[in-house]
Structure formats: structure tokens, C-alpha cells
Amino acid sequence: MDTRIALKNNTLLKFNQYNQYIINKEIGRGATSIVYDASYTNNTGNKKTVRIKEVLTRQWVIETSGSA
């Protein structure tokens, strides 16, 4: 069961005063990531579309028994 919560549409990702992206929608997900369609406005005022991948980390415990 996938219990991960994706970012909502129109979420603003602000990395600094120059790099701001708006999440448009979730376009896919896999075992370790969620991919979003996003956009930003460049310094000339043109809107650009990008893909943003949110990589999810998990702590794994690996157990072995016997000799390998």
C-alpha cells in the first residue's frame, strides 16, 4: 500500500529568490520517487515547463541467515 502524500497542485517550491517552481500535477510514481509536472518563469518572463523528481528515502533492514 502506497501511503506517500504527493505535493498538492499549485505548491510553490522556493529554493532561493531566483529559483521558484510551481507544481502543476503529479505525473508518476515509482518505488523510490514521485515525479511532478512543474513550471517556472525565467528572467525574461517566459514560462517554462520542467519535471521535478522527489526522491523518497527509507531505512532498510536486511537480515541474513546461514552462510552466504
Protein backbone atom coordinates (compact mmCIF):
# COMPACT_ATOMS: atom_id res chain seq x y z
CA MET A 1 0.00 0.00 0.00
CA ASP A 2 1.40 3.38 -1.03
CA THR A 3 0.89 5.85 1.82
CA ARG A 4 3.10 8.61 0.44
CA ILE A 5 1.47 12.02 0.14
CA ALA A 6 2.25 13.92 -3.06
CA LEU A 7 2.69 17.68 -3.19
CA LYS A 8 -0.57 19.46 -3.99
CA ASN A 9 -1.17 21.28 -7.27
CA ASN A 10 0.00 24.92 -7.16
CA THR A 11 2.53 24.19 -4.40
CA LEU A 12 5.38 26.72 -4.58
CA LEU A 13 8.90 25.29 -4.25
CA LYS A 14 11.21 28.17 -3.40
CA PHE A 15 14.90 27.26 -3.43
CA ASN A 16 16.10 30.88 -3.26
CA GLN A 17 14.88 34.25 -4.50
CA TYR A 18 15.69 33.31 -8.11
CA ASN A 19 14.63 29.66 -8.31
CA GLN A 20 10.90 29.21 -7.70
CA TYR A 21 8.87 26.38 -9.20
CA ILE A 22 5.11 25.75 -9.12
CA ILE A 23 3.88 22.16 -9.01
CA ASN A 24 1.21 21.65 -11.67
CA LYS A 25 0.40 17.97 -11.12
CA GLU A 26 1.78 14.57 -10.23
CA ILE A 27 2.67 12.65 -13.39
CA GLY A 28 4.07 9.42 -11.99
CA ARG A 29 5.45 7.49 -9.08
CA GLY A 30 7.67 4.51 -8.52
CA ALA A 31 9.22 2.62 -5.65
CA THR A 32 11.54 5.46 -4.60
CA SER A 33 10.21 8.67 -6.15
CA ILE A 34 7.31 10.85 -7.22
CA VAL A 35 7.59 12.88 -10.44
CA TYR A 36 5.78 16.17 -10.96
CA ASP A 37 4.99 18.43 -13.90
CA ALA A 38 6.09 21.89 -12.78
CA SER A 39 6.80 25.31 -14.22
CA TYR A 40 8.81 28.44 -13.58
CA THR A 41 9.13 31.88 -15.12
CA ASN A 42 12.62 32.70 -16.38
CA ASN A 43 14.33 36.10 -16.15
CA THR A 44 12.84 37.22 -19.49
CA GLY A 45 9.29 36.48 -18.31
CA ASN A 46 8.78 33.27 -20.32
CA LYS A 47 7.02 30.37 -18.60
CA LYS A 48 8.99 27.12 -18.83
CA THR A 49 7.81 23.58 -18.09
CA VAL A 50 10.07 21.17 -16.19
CA ARG A 51 9.86 17.81 -14.45
CA ILE A 52 10.79 17.56 -10.78
CA LYS A 53 11.58 14.25 -9.13
CA GLU A 54 11.07 13.93 -5.39
CA VAL A 55 13.31 11.09 -4.22
CA LEU A 56 11.99 9.33 -1.16
CA THR A 57 14.36 7.70 1.29
CA ARG A 58 13.63 4.77 3.51
CA GLN A 59 15.62 2.94 6.07
CA TRP A 60 16.02 -0.69 5.12
CA VAL A 61 16.93 -3.51 7.48
CA ILE A 62 18.49 -6.51 5.75
CA GLU A 63 18.74 -9.75 7.66
CA THR A 64 20.52 -12.88 6.53
CA SER A 65 20.57 -16.33 7.93
CA GLY A 66 23.10 -19.08 7.40
CA SER A 67 26.25 -18.69 5.37
CA ALA A 68 26.35 -16.83 2.12
